[in-house]
Amino acid sequence: TLPDGTAVEITTASRCDVAEAYFGNDEYNVNERERVLDETMATLEEYENEIEEFVAEKENEEENEAQSGPMVGIVGSGNGSAAAGDPYSNTSYRGEKSSRA
């Protein structure tokens, strides 16, 4: 559509002709486009491989964590030993208070 509202239809063949006129349809330009496409595909394949490796590593880490069982000594786990060194926990305060008496 033109700025004055006139509808203009451009066929696909015409658009391709314009692209060929602009980018060239000679052997050099065709080879250059193919080279760029090949480089782009190689880069995308590298990214794909890196992503697959990353996902596999994360899956292995999750499997290892699941096989090793729950972590022991996490603060707030309810066993009191982890909170003993925490100056803001009740366990630490009670122990300190009883040692003063």
N, C-alpha and C. Protein backbone atom coordinates (compact mmCIF):
# COMPACT_ATOMS: atom_id res chain seq x y z
N THR A 1 0.84 -1.18 0.00
CA THR A 1 0.00 0.00 0.00
C THR A 1 0.88 1.23 0.00
N LEU A 2 0.56 2.13 -0.90
CA LEU A 2 1.30 3.39 -1.00
C LEU A 2 0.81 4.36 0.06
N PRO A 3 1.58 5.41 0.34
CA PRO A 3 1.17 6.38 1.36
C PRO A 3 -0.20 7.02 1.08
N ASP A 4 -0.57 7.11 -0.19
CA ASP A 4 -1.87 7.73 -0.51
C ASP A 4 -3.01 6.72 -0.42
N GLY A 5 -2.72 5.46 -0.02
CA GLY A 5 -3.74 4.45 0.14
C GLY A 5 -3.94 3.55 -1.05
N THR A 6 -3.21 3.78 -2.13
CA THR A 6 -3.34 2.95 -3.32
C THR A 6 -2.74 1.58 -3.05
N ALA A 7 -3.52 0.54 -3.32
CA ALA A 7 -3.03 -0.83 -3.13
C ALA A 7 -2.21 -1.23 -4.34
N VAL A 8 -1.03 -1.76 -4.09
CA VAL A 8 -0.15 -2.21 -5.16
C VAL A 8 0.18 -3.68 -4.86
N GLU A 9 -0.05 -4.52 -5.84
CA GLU A 9 0.26 -5.93 -5.65
C GLU A 9 1.55 -6.26 -6.37
N ILE A 10 2.46 -6.88 -5.62
CA ILE A 10 3.75 -7.26 -6.18
C ILE A 10 3.83 -8.78 -6.07
N THR A 11 4.01 -9.42 -7.18
CA THR A 11 4.06 -10.88 -7.19
C THR A 11 5.36 -11.39 -6.59
N THR A 12 5.34 -12.64 -6.17
CA THR A 12 6.54 -13.26 -5.61
C THR A 12 7.66 -13.27 -6.64
N ALA A 13 7.33 -13.54 -7.87
CA ALA A 13 8.35 -13.56 -8.92
C ALA A 13 9.01 -12.18 -9.05
N SER A 14 8.22 -11.14 -8.95
CA SER A 14 8.78 -9.78 -9.04
C SER A 14 9.70 -9.50 -7.87
N ARG A 15 9.27 -9.94 -6.67
CA ARG A 15 10.12 -9.72 -5.50
C ARG A 15 11.43 -10.47 -5.63
N CYS A 16 11.38 -11.68 -6.15
CA CYS A 16 12.61 -12.46 -6.35
C CYS A 16 13.50 -11.80 -7.39
N ASP A 17 12.89 -11.25 -8.43
CA ASP A 17 13.66 -10.54 -9.45
C ASP A 17 14.38 -9.35 -8.84
N VAL A 18 13.69 -8.63 -7.97
CA VAL A 18 14.30 -7.47 -7.31
C VAL A 18 15.46 -7.93 -6.43
N ALA A 19 15.26 -9.01 -5.68
CA ALA A 19 16.33 -9.52 -4.81
C ALA A 19 17.53 -9.96 -5.63
N GLU A 20 17.27 -10.62 -6.75
CA GLU A 20 18.37 -11.05 -7.60
C GLU A 20 19.09 -9.86 -8.20
N ALA A 21 18.35 -8.83 -8.56
CA ALA A 21 18.98 -7.63 -9.10
C ALA A 21 19.82 -6.94 -8.03
N TYR A 22 19.31 -6.93 -6.79
CA TYR A 22 20.01 -6.25 -5.70
C TYR A 22 21.21 -7.07 -5.22
N PHE A 23 20.99 -8.36 -4.97
CA PHE A 23 22.05 -9.20 -4.42
C PHE A 23 22.88 -9.90 -5.47
N GLY A 24 22.38 -9.94 -6.65
CA GLY A 24 23.11 -10.58 -7.74
C GLY A 24 22.78 -12.05 -7.85
N ASN A 25 22.73 -12.52 -9.06
CA ASN A 25 22.45 -13.93 -9.31
C ASN A 25 23.63 -14.57 -10.03
N ASP A 26 24.75 -13.88 -9.99
CA ASP A 26 25.93 -14.43 -10.65
C ASP A 26 26.58 -15.47 -9.74
N GLU A 27 27.55 -16.16 -10.27
CA GLU A 27 28.17 -17.28 -9.56
C GLU A 27 28.80 -16.84 -8.24
N TYR A 28 29.46 -15.68 -8.22
CA TYR A 28 30.10 -15.21 -6.99
C TYR A 28 29.08 -15.01 -5.88
N ASN A 29 28.00 -14.30 -6.17
CA ASN A 29 27.00 -14.02 -5.14
C ASN A 29 26.27 -15.28 -4.68
N VAL A 30 26.00 -16.18 -5.60
CA VAL A 30 25.36 -17.45 -5.23
C VAL A 30 26.29 -18.23 -4.30
N ASN A 31 27.56 -18.31 -4.64
CA ASN A 31 28.53 -19.03 -3.80
C ASN A 31 28.67 -18.36 -2.43
N GLU A 32 28.65 -17.03 -2.42
CA GLU A 32 28.77 -16.29 -1.16
C GLU A 32 27.56 -16.58 -0.26
N ARG A 33 26.37 -16.58 -0.82
CA ARG A 33 25.17 -16.89 -0.04
C ARG A 33 25.24 -18.32 0.49
N GLU A 34 25.68 -19.25 -0.32
CA GLU A 34 25.80 -20.64 0.13
C GLU A 34 26.85 -20.78 1.22
N ARG A 35 27.95 -20.04 1.12
CA ARG A 35 29.00 -20.08 2.14
C ARG A 35 28.45 -19.56 3.47
N VAL A 36 27.73 -18.44 3.40
CA VAL A 36 27.16 -17.86 4.62
C VAL A 36 26.14 -18.82 5.23
N LEU A 37 25.33 -19.44 4.40
CA LEU A 37 24.35 -20.40 4.89
C LEU A 37 25.05 -21.59 5.56
N ASP A 38 26.11 -22.09 4.94
CA ASP A 38 26.86 -23.21 5.51
C ASP A 38 27.46 -22.84 6.87
N GLU A 39 28.03 -21.64 6.96
CA GLU A 39 28.60 -21.18 8.24
C GLU A 39 27.52 -21.06 9.30
N THR A 40 26.38 -20.52 8.91
CA THR A 40 25.28 -20.37 9.85
C THR A 40 24.79 -21.72 10.34
N MET A 41 24.65 -22.67 9.43
CA MET A 41 24.21 -24.02 9.82
C MET A 41 25.23 -24.68 10.75
N ALA A 42 26.51 -24.50 10.48
CA ALA A 42 27.55 -25.08 11.34
C ALA A 42 27.49 -24.47 12.73
N THR A 43 27.29 -23.17 12.81
CA THR A 43 27.19 -22.50 14.10
C THR A 43 25.97 -22.99 14.87
N LEU A 44 24.85 -23.13 14.19
CA LEU A 44 23.64 -23.62 14.85
C LEU A 44 23.82 -25.05 15.34
N GLU A 45 24.52 -25.88 14.57
CA GLU A 45 24.79 -27.25 15.01
C GLU A 45 25.68 -27.27 16.25
N GLU A 46 26.67 -26.35 16.30
CA GLU A 46 27.52 -26.25 17.48
C GLU A 46 26.69 -25.88 18.69
N TYR A 47 25.78 -24.89 18.53
CA TYR A 47 24.91 -24.48 19.63
C TYR A 47 24.04 -25.65 20.08
N GLU A 48 23.51 -26.39 19.13
CA GLU A 48 22.66 -27.53 19.44
C GLU A 48 23.43 -28.57 20.26
N ASN A 49 24.68 -28.85 19.84
CA ASN A 49 25.51 -29.81 20.56
C ASN A 49 25.82 -29.33 21.98
N GLU A 50 26.12 -28.04 22.12
CA GLU A 50 26.40 -27.49 23.45
C GLU A 50 25.18 -27.60 24.35
N ILE A 51 24.01 -27.31 23.80
CA ILE A 51 22.78 -27.40 24.59
C ILE A 51 22.52 -28.84 25.00
N GLU A 52 22.70 -29.78 24.08
CA GLU A 52 22.49 -31.19 24.41
C GLU A 52 23.46 -31.65 25.50
N GLU A 53 24.72 -31.23 25.43
CA GLU A 53 25.70 -31.58 26.45
C GLU A 53 25.32 -30.97 27.80
N PHE A 54 24.87 -29.73 27.79
CA PHE A 54 24.47 -29.05 29.02
C PHE A 54 23.29 -29.77 29.67
N VAL A 55 22.29 -30.11 28.87
CA VAL A 55 21.12 -30.81 29.39
C VAL A 55 21.52 -32.17 29.95
N ALA A 56 22.39 -32.88 29.25
CA ALA A 56 22.84 -34.19 29.72
C ALA A 56 23.59 -34.06 31.04
N GLU A 57 24.43 -33.04 31.19
CA GLU A 57 25.16 -32.83 32.44
C GLU A 57 24.19 -32.56 33.58
N LYS A 58 23.19 -31.72 33.34
CA LYS A 58 22.21 -31.40 34.38
C LYS A 58 21.41 -32.64 34.77
N GLU A 59 21.04 -33.46 33.80
CA GLU A 59 20.31 -34.70 34.10
C GLU A 59 21.18 -35.64 34.93
N ASN A 60 22.47 -35.73 34.60
CA ASN A 60 23.38 -36.57 35.38
C ASN A 60 23.53 -36.06 36.81
N GLU A 61 23.63 -34.74 36.96
CA GLU A 61 23.74 -34.15 38.30
C GLU A 61 22.49 -34.45 39.12
N GLU A 62 21.32 -34.32 38.49
CA GLU A 62 20.07 -34.59 39.20
C GLU A 62 19.98 -36.06 39.59
N GLU A 63 20.41 -36.97 38.69
CA GLU A 63 20.41 -38.39 39.01
C GLU A 63 21.35 -38.69 40.17
N ASN A 64 22.54 -38.09 40.16
CA ASN A 64 23.51 -38.31 41.23
C ASN A 64 22.97 -37.80 42.56
N GLU A 65 22.31 -36.64 42.55
CA GLU A 65 21.74 -36.09 43.78
C GLU A 65 20.62 -36.99 44.29
N ALA A 66 19.81 -37.50 43.39
CA ALA A 66 18.71 -38.37 43.79
C ALA A 66 19.24 -39.68 44.36
N GLN A 67 20.33 -40.19 43.84
CA GLN A 67 20.90 -41.45 44.32
C GLN A 67 21.64 -41.29 45.64
N SER A 68 22.20 -40.09 45.89
CA SER A 68 22.97 -39.88 47.11
C SER A 68 22.08 -39.66 48.32
N GLY A 69 20.80 -39.43 48.14
CA GLY A 69 19.87 -39.27 49.25
C GLY A 69 19.80 -37.83 49.71
N PRO A 70 19.03 -37.60 50.78
CA PRO A 70 18.85 -36.23 51.27
C PRO A 70 20.13 -35.68 51.89
N MET A 71 20.27 -34.40 51.81
CA MET A 71 21.43 -33.73 52.40
C MET A 71 21.25 -33.68 53.92
N VAL A 72 22.32 -33.89 54.66
CA VAL A 72 22.27 -33.87 56.11
C VAL A 72 22.91 -32.59 56.60
N GLY A 73 22.35 -31.99 57.64
CA GLY A 73 22.95 -30.81 58.23
C GLY A 73 22.54 -29.51 57.58
N ILE A 74 21.43 -29.47 56.91
CA ILE A 74 20.95 -28.24 56.30
C ILE A 74 20.28 -27.41 57.38
N VAL A 75 20.54 -26.11 57.43
CA VAL A 75 19.94 -25.23 58.42
C VAL A 75 18.43 -25.27 58.26
N GLY A 76 17.76 -25.43 59.37
CA GLY A 76 16.30 -25.47 59.34
C GLY A 76 15.75 -26.86 59.11
N SER A 77 16.60 -27.87 59.10
CA SER A 77 16.13 -29.22 58.85
C SER A 77 15.48 -29.83 60.09
N GLY A 78 15.63 -29.16 61.25
CA GLY A 78 14.98 -29.65 62.46
C GLY A 78 15.88 -30.49 63.34
N ASN A 79 17.11 -30.76 62.93
CA ASN A 79 17.97 -31.60 63.76
C ASN A 79 18.74 -30.81 64.81
N GLY A 80 18.75 -29.49 64.76
CA GLY A 80 19.37 -28.66 65.78
C GLY A 80 20.86 -28.50 65.62
N SER A 81 21.56 -29.46 65.05
CA SER A 81 23.01 -29.38 64.94
C SER A 81 23.43 -28.30 63.96
N ALA A 82 22.68 -28.12 62.90
CA ALA A 82 23.05 -27.12 61.92
C ALA A 82 22.84 -25.72 62.47
N ALA A 83 21.81 -25.56 63.30
CA ALA A 83 21.49 -24.25 63.83
C ALA A 83 22.38 -23.88 65.01
N ALA A 84 23.14 -24.83 65.53
CA ALA A 84 23.95 -24.56 66.71
C ALA A 84 24.96 -23.45 66.48
N GLY A 85 25.48 -23.31 65.28
CA GLY A 85 26.45 -22.27 65.01
C GLY A 85 25.83 -20.98 64.51
N ASP A 86 24.53 -20.95 64.38
CA ASP A 86 23.83 -19.77 63.87
C ASP A 86 23.50 -18.86 65.05
N PRO A 87 24.08 -17.67 65.12
CA PRO A 87 23.86 -16.79 66.26
C PRO A 87 22.42 -16.31 66.38
N TYR A 88 21.62 -16.43 65.33
CA TYR A 88 20.25 -15.94 65.36
C TYR A 88 19.24 -17.05 65.62
N SER A 89 19.69 -18.28 65.79
CA SER A 89 18.76 -19.38 66.01
C SER A 89 18.45 -19.52 67.49
N ASN A 90 17.30 -20.09 67.82
CA ASN A 90 16.92 -20.35 69.21
C ASN A 90 17.86 -21.37 69.85
N THR A 91 18.30 -22.35 69.05
CA THR A 91 19.19 -23.38 69.57
C THR A 91 20.47 -22.76 70.09
N SER A 92 21.05 -21.86 69.32
CA SER A 92 22.29 -21.21 69.71
C SER A 92 22.08 -20.36 70.95
N TYR A 93 20.97 -19.66 71.03
CA TYR A 93 20.69 -18.79 72.17
C TYR A 93 20.50 -19.60 73.44
N ARG A 94 19.74 -20.70 73.35
CA ARG A 94 19.51 -21.54 74.52
C ARG A 94 20.80 -22.14 75.04
N GLY A 95 21.65 -22.59 74.11
CA GLY A 95 22.92 -23.17 74.53
C GLY A 95 23.81 -22.15 75.19
N GLU A 96 23.82 -20.96 74.67
CA GLU A 96 24.65 -19.89 75.24
C GLU A 96 24.10 -19.47 76.60
N LYS A 97 22.80 -19.38 76.73
CA LYS A 97 22.17 -18.95 77.96
C LYS A 97 22.43 -19.98 79.07
N SER A 98 22.29 -21.27 78.70
CA SER A 98 22.49 -22.30 79.73
C SER A 98 23.94 -22.39 80.15
N SER A 99 24.87 -22.05 79.27
CA SER A 99 26.28 -22.13 79.63
C SER A 99 26.68 -20.98 80.55
N ARG A 100 25.92 -19.89 80.57
CA ARG A 100 26.21 -18.75 81.44
C ARG A 100 25.73 -19.02 82.87
N ALA A 101 24.74 -19.81 83.03
CA ALA A 101 24.12 -20.00 84.36
C ALA A 101 24.94 -20.87 85.26
